[in-house]
Amino acid sequence: MKGHGEKLSRNQERAIAALHVHASMSEAASAADIDEVTLWRWMQLPGFKEQYRLARRAAVSQAVGHLQG
């Protein structure tokens, strides 16, 4: 992944999903079957960080909508 707007790899998508359901980066990395250092490095990439932020925003928005309904 080189820049903003590029597609994430399957592993990166799995890592983002794992970050949403696990309490720590270590647990998320293990669940996504990647090294914790790899996950940490990906978190430094603007494109990955942006996709994580967007996914987190969508999850929070969905949860709020569910609670309001």
PDB file of N, CA and C in Angstrom:
ATOM      1  N   MET A   1       0.848  -1.164   0.000  1.00  0.00           N
ATOM      2  CA  MET A   1       0.000   0.000   0.000  1.00  0.00           C
ATOM      3  C   MET A   1       0.897   1.231   0.000  1.00  0.00           C
ATOM      4  N   LYS A   2       0.745   2.074  -0.998  1.00  0.00           N
ATOM      5  CA  LYS A   2       1.673   3.190  -1.138  1.00  0.00           C
ATOM      6  C   LYS A   2       1.075   4.546  -0.808  1.00  0.00           C
ATOM      7  N   GLY A   3      -0.205   4.706  -0.996  1.00  0.00           N
ATOM      8  CA  GLY A   3      -0.740   6.032  -0.752  1.00  0.00           C
ATOM      9  C   GLY A   3      -2.215   6.013  -0.458  1.00  0.00           C
ATOM     10  N   HIS A   4      -2.738   7.180  -0.197  1.00  0.00           N
ATOM     11  CA  HIS A   4      -4.141   7.350   0.131  1.00  0.00           C
ATOM     12  C   HIS A   4      -5.015   6.909  -1.035  1.00  0.00           C
ATOM     13  N   GLY A   5      -6.080   6.194  -0.730  1.00  0.00           N
ATOM     14  CA  GLY A   5      -7.033   5.808  -1.744  1.00  0.00           C
ATOM     15  C   GLY A   5      -6.769   4.465  -2.392  1.00  0.00           C
ATOM     16  N   GLU A   6      -5.626   3.850  -2.088  1.00  0.00           N
ATOM     17  CA  GLU A   6      -5.334   2.547  -2.664  1.00  0.00           C
ATOM     18  C   GLU A   6      -6.044   1.471  -1.861  1.00  0.00           C
ATOM     19  N   LYS A   7      -6.363   0.375  -2.534  1.00  0.00           N
ATOM     20  CA  LYS A   7      -7.041  -0.719  -1.871  1.00  0.00           C
ATOM     21  C   LYS A   7      -6.129  -1.391  -0.852  1.00  0.00           C
ATOM     22  N   LEU A   8      -6.744  -1.861   0.207  1.00  0.00           N
ATOM     23  CA  LEU A   8      -6.010  -2.597   1.225  1.00  0.00           C
ATOM     24  C   LEU A   8      -5.892  -4.054   0.808  1.00  0.00           C
ATOM     25  N   SER A   9      -4.849  -4.703   1.287  1.00  0.00           N
ATOM     26  CA  SER A   9      -4.718  -6.132   1.054  1.00  0.00           C
ATOM     27  C   SER A   9      -5.744  -6.863   1.918  1.00  0.00           C
ATOM     28  N   ARG A  10      -5.949  -8.114   1.613  1.00  0.00           N
ATOM     29  CA  ARG A  10      -6.878  -8.935   2.397  1.00  0.00           C
ATOM     30  C   ARG A  10      -6.422  -9.007   3.853  1.00  0.00           C
ATOM     31  N   ASN A  11      -5.109  -9.118   4.057  1.00  0.00           N
ATOM     32  CA  ASN A  11      -4.572  -9.162   5.420  1.00  0.00           C
ATOM     33  C   ASN A  11      -4.825  -7.849   6.157  1.00  0.00           C
ATOM     34  N   GLN A  12      -4.678  -6.745   5.453  1.00  0.00           N
ATOM     35  CA  GLN A  12      -4.913  -5.445   6.081  1.00  0.00           C
ATOM     36  C   GLN A  12      -6.387  -5.268   6.436  1.00  0.00           C
ATOM     37  N   GLU A  13      -7.282  -5.728   5.567  1.00  0.00           N
ATOM     38  CA  GLU A  13      -8.713  -5.658   5.873  1.00  0.00           C
ATOM     39  C   GLU A  13      -9.041  -6.516   7.091  1.00  0.00           C
ATOM     40  N   ARG A  14      -8.445  -7.704   7.159  1.00  0.00           N
ATOM     41  CA  ARG A  14      -8.643  -8.590   8.304  1.00  0.00           C
ATOM     42  C   ARG A  14      -8.111  -7.940   9.583  1.00  0.00           C
ATOM     43  N   ALA A  15      -6.992  -7.242   9.468  1.00  0.00           N
ATOM     44  CA  ALA A  15      -6.403  -6.573  10.631  1.00  0.00           C
ATOM     45  C   ALA A  15      -7.320  -5.459  11.139  1.00  0.00           C
ATOM     46  N   ILE A  16      -7.898  -4.699  10.231  1.00  0.00           N
ATOM     47  CA  ILE A  16      -8.811  -3.631  10.646  1.00  0.00           C
ATOM     48  C   ILE A  16     -10.021  -4.219  11.358  1.00  0.00           C
ATOM     49  N   ALA A  17     -10.574  -5.293  10.822  1.00  0.00           N
ATOM     50  CA  ALA A  17     -11.712  -5.944  11.478  1.00  0.00           C
ATOM     51  C   ALA A  17     -11.305  -6.441  12.868  1.00  0.00           C
ATOM     52  N   ALA A  18     -10.128  -7.018  12.981  1.00  0.00           N
ATOM     53  CA  ALA A  18      -9.655  -7.534  14.267  1.00  0.00           C
ATOM     54  C   ALA A  18      -9.439  -6.407  15.277  1.00  0.00           C
ATOM     55  N   LEU A  19      -8.977  -5.263  14.803  1.00  0.00           N
ATOM     56  CA  LEU A  19      -8.769  -4.128  15.705  1.00  0.00           C
ATOM     57  C   LEU A  19     -10.080  -3.663  16.347  1.00  0.00           C
ATOM     58  N   HIS A  20     -11.187  -3.903  15.662  1.00  0.00           N
ATOM     59  CA  HIS A  20     -12.482  -3.475  16.182  1.00  0.00           C
ATOM     60  C   HIS A  20     -13.054  -4.409  17.243  1.00  0.00           C
ATOM     61  N   VAL A  21     -12.595  -5.641  17.269  1.00  0.00           N
ATOM     62  CA  VAL A  21     -13.189  -6.590  18.207  1.00  0.00           C
ATOM     63  C   VAL A  21     -12.238  -7.059  19.311  1.00  0.00           C
ATOM     64  N   HIS A  22     -10.994  -6.671  19.232  1.00  0.00           N
ATOM     65  CA  HIS A  22     -10.027  -7.098  20.243  1.00  0.00           C
ATOM     66  C   HIS A  22      -9.522  -5.898  21.030  1.00  0.00           C
ATOM     67  N   ALA A  23      -9.216  -6.158  22.292  1.00  0.00           N
ATOM     68  CA  ALA A  23      -8.857  -5.085  23.212  1.00  0.00           C
ATOM     69  C   ALA A  23      -7.458  -4.521  23.009  1.00  0.00           C
ATOM     70  N   SER A  24      -6.584  -5.276  22.357  1.00  0.00           N
ATOM     71  CA  SER A  24      -5.215  -4.797  22.192  1.00  0.00           C
ATOM     72  C   SER A  24      -4.714  -5.073  20.779  1.00  0.00           C
ATOM     73  N   MET A  25      -3.668  -4.353  20.406  1.00  0.00           N
ATOM     74  CA  MET A  25      -3.058  -4.593  19.098  1.00  0.00           C
ATOM     75  C   MET A  25      -2.472  -5.998  19.038  1.00  0.00           C
ATOM     76  N   SER A  26      -1.950  -6.483  20.142  1.00  0.00           N
ATOM     77  CA  SER A  26      -1.384  -7.824  20.186  1.00  0.00           C
ATOM     78  C   SER A  26      -2.459  -8.866  19.886  1.00  0.00           C
ATOM     79  N   GLU A  27      -3.611  -8.748  20.522  1.00  0.00           N
ATOM     80  CA  GLU A  27      -4.712  -9.679  20.293  1.00  0.00           C
ATOM     81  C   GLU A  27      -5.232  -9.558  18.858  1.00  0.00           C
ATOM     82  N   ALA A  28      -5.336  -8.335  18.368  1.00  0.00           N
ATOM     83  CA  ALA A  28      -5.822  -8.121  17.005  1.00  0.00           C
ATOM     84  C   ALA A  28      -4.859  -8.728  15.990  1.00  0.00           C
ATOM     85  N   ALA A  29      -3.585  -8.524  16.199  1.00  0.00           N
ATOM     86  CA  ALA A  29      -2.584  -9.090  15.285  1.00  0.00           C
ATOM     87  C   ALA A  29      -2.660 -10.609  15.274  1.00  0.00           C
ATOM     88  N   SER A  30      -2.777 -11.190  16.439  1.00  0.00           N
ATOM     89  CA  SER A  30      -2.880 -12.639  16.550  1.00  0.00           C
ATOM     90  C   SER A  30      -4.133 -13.141  15.832  1.00  0.00           C
ATOM     91  N   ALA A  31      -5.261 -12.475  16.040  1.00  0.00           N
ATOM     92  CA  ALA A  31      -6.518 -12.874  15.402  1.00  0.00           C
ATOM     93  C   ALA A  31      -6.449 -12.740  13.888  1.00  0.00           C
ATOM     94  N   ALA A  32      -5.725 -11.729  13.407  1.00  0.00           N
ATOM     95  CA  ALA A  32      -5.583 -11.505  11.966  1.00  0.00           C
ATOM     96  C   ALA A  32      -4.462 -12.344  11.368  1.00  0.00           C
ATOM     97  N   ASP A  33      -3.781 -13.096  12.211  1.00  0.00           N
ATOM     98  CA  ASP A  33      -2.679 -13.968  11.800  1.00  0.00           C
ATOM     99  C   ASP A  33      -1.534 -13.184  11.151  1.00  0.00           C
ATOM    100  N   ILE A  34      -1.197 -12.056  11.786  1.00  0.00           N
ATOM    101  CA  ILE A  34      -0.059 -11.246  11.346  1.00  0.00           C
ATOM    102  C   ILE A  34       0.801 -10.920  12.561  1.00  0.00           C
ATOM    103  N   ASP A  35       2.010 -10.511  12.325  1.00  0.00           N
ATOM    104  CA  ASP A  35       2.917 -10.129  13.393  1.00  0.00           C
ATOM    105  C   ASP A  35       2.492  -8.777  13.971  1.00  0.00           C
ATOM    106  N   GLU A  36       2.634  -8.622  15.255  1.00  0.00           N
ATOM    107  CA  GLU A  36       2.261  -7.361  15.907  1.00  0.00           C
ATOM    108  C   GLU A  36       3.057  -6.178  15.345  1.00  0.00           C
ATOM    109  N   VAL A  37       4.323  -6.400  15.021  1.00  0.00           N
ATOM    110  CA  VAL A  37       5.154  -5.337  14.445  1.00  0.00           C
ATOM    111  C   VAL A  37       4.598  -4.911  13.086  1.00  0.00           C
ATOM    112  N   THR A  38       4.128  -5.876  12.312  1.00  0.00           N
ATOM    113  CA  THR A  38       3.523  -5.565  11.010  1.00  0.00           C
ATOM    114  C   THR A  38       2.298  -4.685  11.204  1.00  0.00           C
ATOM    115  N   LEU A  39       1.452  -5.049  12.151  1.00  0.00           N
ATOM    116  CA  LEU A  39       0.261  -4.247  12.418  1.00  0.00           C
ATOM    117  C   LEU A  39       0.647  -2.847  12.860  1.00  0.00           C
ATOM    118  N   TRP A  40       1.644  -2.743  13.716  1.00  0.00           N
ATOM    119  CA  TRP A  40       2.097  -1.430  14.171  1.00  0.00           C
ATOM    120  C   TRP A  40       2.578  -0.590  12.982  1.00  0.00           C
ATOM    121  N   ARG A  41       3.342  -1.209  12.076  1.00  0.00           N
ATOM    122  CA  ARG A  41       3.836  -0.495  10.899  1.00  0.00           C
ATOM    123  C   ARG A  41       2.682  -0.041  10.007  1.00  0.00           C
ATOM    124  N   TRP A  42       1.712  -0.927   9.820  1.00  0.00           N
ATOM    125  CA  TRP A  42       0.554  -0.541   9.005  1.00  0.00           C
ATOM    126  C   TRP A  42      -0.183   0.644   9.621  1.00  0.00           C
ATOM    127  N   MET A  43      -0.242   0.681  10.954  1.00  0.00           N
ATOM    128  CA  MET A  43      -0.934   1.788  11.625  1.00  0.00           C
ATOM    129  C   MET A  43      -0.224   3.127  11.389  1.00  0.00           C
ATOM    130  N   GLN A  44       1.017   3.086  10.936  1.00  0.00           N
ATOM    131  CA  GLN A  44       1.754   4.310  10.632  1.00  0.00           C
ATOM    132  C   GLN A  44       1.508   4.786   9.198  1.00  0.00           C
ATOM    133  N   LEU A  45       0.914   3.946   8.371  1.00  0.00           N
ATOM    134  CA  LEU A  45       0.662   4.294   6.966  1.00  0.00           C
ATOM    135  C   LEU A  45      -0.609   5.131   6.852  1.00  0.00           C
ATOM    136  N   PRO A  46      -0.530   6.286   6.209  1.00  0.00           N
ATOM    137  CA  PRO A  46      -1.710   7.157   6.108  1.00  0.00           C
ATOM    138  C   PRO A  46      -2.934   6.462   5.504  1.00  0.00           C
ATOM    139  N   GLY A  47      -2.754   5.685   4.468  1.00  0.00           N
ATOM    140  CA  GLY A  47      -3.893   5.019   3.830  1.00  0.00           C
ATOM    141  C   GLY A  47      -4.547   3.994   4.736  1.00  0.00           C
ATOM    142  N   PHE A  48      -3.750   3.205   5.433  1.00  0.00           N
ATOM    143  CA  PHE A  48      -4.277   2.213   6.357  1.00  0.00           C
ATOM    144  C   PHE A  48      -4.975   2.903   7.526  1.00  0.00           C
ATOM    145  N   LYS A  49      -4.310   3.926   8.063  1.00  0.00           N
ATOM    146  CA  LYS A  49      -4.868   4.662   9.191  1.00  0.00           C
ATOM    147  C   LYS A  49      -6.216   5.288   8.822  1.00  0.00           C
ATOM    148  N   GLU A  50      -6.304   5.823   7.612  1.00  0.00           N
ATOM    149  CA  GLU A  50      -7.552   6.427   7.143  1.00  0.00           C
ATOM    150  C   GLU A  50      -8.656   5.379   7.015  1.00  0.00           C
ATOM    151  N   GLN A  51      -8.341   4.223   6.454  1.00  0.00           N
ATOM    152  CA  GLN A  51      -9.343   3.159   6.307  1.00  0.00           C
ATOM    153  C   GLN A  51      -9.782   2.642   7.677  1.00  0.00           C
ATOM    154  N   TYR A  52      -8.864   2.546   8.608  1.00  0.00           N
ATOM    155  CA  TYR A  52      -9.216   2.143   9.975  1.00  0.00           C
ATOM    156  C   TYR A  52     -10.150   3.179  10.599  1.00  0.00           C
ATOM    157  N   ARG A  53      -9.814   4.446  10.425  1.00  0.00           N
ATOM    158  CA  ARG A  53     -10.646   5.518  10.978  1.00  0.00           C
ATOM    159  C   ARG A  53     -12.053   5.488  10.385  1.00  0.00           C
ATOM    160  N   LEU A  54     -12.151   5.293   9.084  1.00  0.00           N
ATOM    161  CA  LEU A  54     -13.455   5.239   8.421  1.00  0.00           C
ATOM    162  C   LEU A  54     -14.274   4.039   8.897  1.00  0.00           C
ATOM    163  N   ALA A  55     -13.621   2.895   9.043  1.00  0.00           N
ATOM    164  CA  ALA A  55     -14.317   1.701   9.510  1.00  0.00           C
ATOM    165  C   ALA A  55     -14.795   1.888  10.950  1.00  0.00           C
ATOM    166  N   ARG A  56     -13.958   2.517  11.743  1.00  0.00           N
ATOM    167  CA  ARG A  56     -14.333   2.766  13.144  1.00  0.00           C
ATOM    168  C   ARG A  56     -15.507   3.736  13.218  1.00  0.00           C
ATOM    169  N   ARG A  57     -15.470   4.771  12.402  1.00  0.00           N
ATOM    170  CA  ARG A  57     -16.571   5.736  12.365  1.00  0.00           C
ATOM    171  C   ARG A  57     -17.874   5.052  11.951  1.00  0.00           C
ATOM    172  N   ALA A  58     -17.803   4.191  10.941  1.00  0.00           N
ATOM    173  CA  ALA A  58     -18.992   3.473  10.470  1.00  0.00           C
ATOM    174  C   ALA A  58     -19.541   2.559  11.562  1.00  0.00           C
ATOM    175  N   ALA A  59     -18.667   1.883  12.283  1.00  0.00           N
ATOM    176  CA  ALA A  59     -19.101   0.983  13.349  1.00  0.00           C
ATOM    177  C   ALA A  59     -19.778   1.758  14.476  1.00  0.00           C
ATOM    178  N   VAL A  60     -19.202   2.890  14.850  1.00  0.00           N
ATOM    179  CA  VAL A  60     -19.793   3.712  15.912  1.00  0.00           C
ATOM    180  C   VAL A  60     -21.137   4.270  15.453  1.00  0.00           C
ATOM    181  N   SER A  61     -21.201   4.736  14.228  1.00  0.00           N
ATOM    182  CA  SER A  61     -22.446   5.278  13.694  1.00  0.00           C
ATOM    183  C   SER A  61     -23.542   4.212  13.671  1.00  0.00           C
ATOM    184  N   GLN A  62     -23.177   3.012  13.268  1.00  0.00           N
ATOM    185  CA  GLN A  62     -24.142   1.912  13.230  1.00  0.00           C
ATOM    186  C   GLN A  62     -24.614   1.568  14.636  1.00  0.00           C
ATOM    187  N   ALA A  63     -23.709   1.556  15.598  1.00  0.00           N
ATOM    188  CA  ALA A  63     -24.073   1.244  16.970  1.00  0.00           C
ATOM    189  C   ALA A  63     -25.017   2.301  17.536  1.00  0.00           C
ATOM    190  N   VAL A  64     -24.728   3.560  17.259  1.00  0.00           N
ATOM    191  CA  VAL A  64     -25.583   4.651  17.735  1.00  0.00           C
ATOM    192  C   VAL A  64     -26.971   4.531  17.090  1.00  0.00           C
ATOM    193  N   GLY A  65     -27.021   4.259  15.802  1.00  0.00           N
ATOM    194  CA  GLY A  65     -28.291   4.078  15.115  1.00  0.00           C
ATOM    195  C   GLY A  65     -29.094   2.931  15.695  1.00  0.00           C
ATOM    196  N   HIS A  66     -28.403   1.856  16.022  1.00  0.00           N
ATOM    197  CA  HIS A  66     -29.063   0.701  16.606  1.00  0.00           C
ATOM    198  C   HIS A  66     -29.648   1.059  17.984  1.00  0.00           C
ATOM    199  N   LEU A  67     -28.896   1.803  18.784  1.00  0.00           N
ATOM    200  CA  LEU A  67     -29.367   2.207  20.101  1.00  0.00           C
ATOM    201  C   LEU A  67     -30.539   3.165  20.000  1.00  0.00           C
ATOM    202  N   GLN A  68     -30.528   4.035  19.006  1.00  0.00           N
ATOM    203  CA  GLN A  68     -31.623   4.984  18.839  1.00  0.00           C
ATOM    204  C   GLN A  68     -32.898   4.306  18.344  1.00  0.00           C
ATOM    205  N   GLY A  69     -32.731   3.211  17.622  1.00  0.00           N
ATOM    206  CA  GLY A  69     -33.879   2.497  17.060  1.00  0.00           C
ATOM    207  C   GLY A  69     -34.513   1.644  18.081  1.00  0.00           C
TER     208      GLY A  69
END
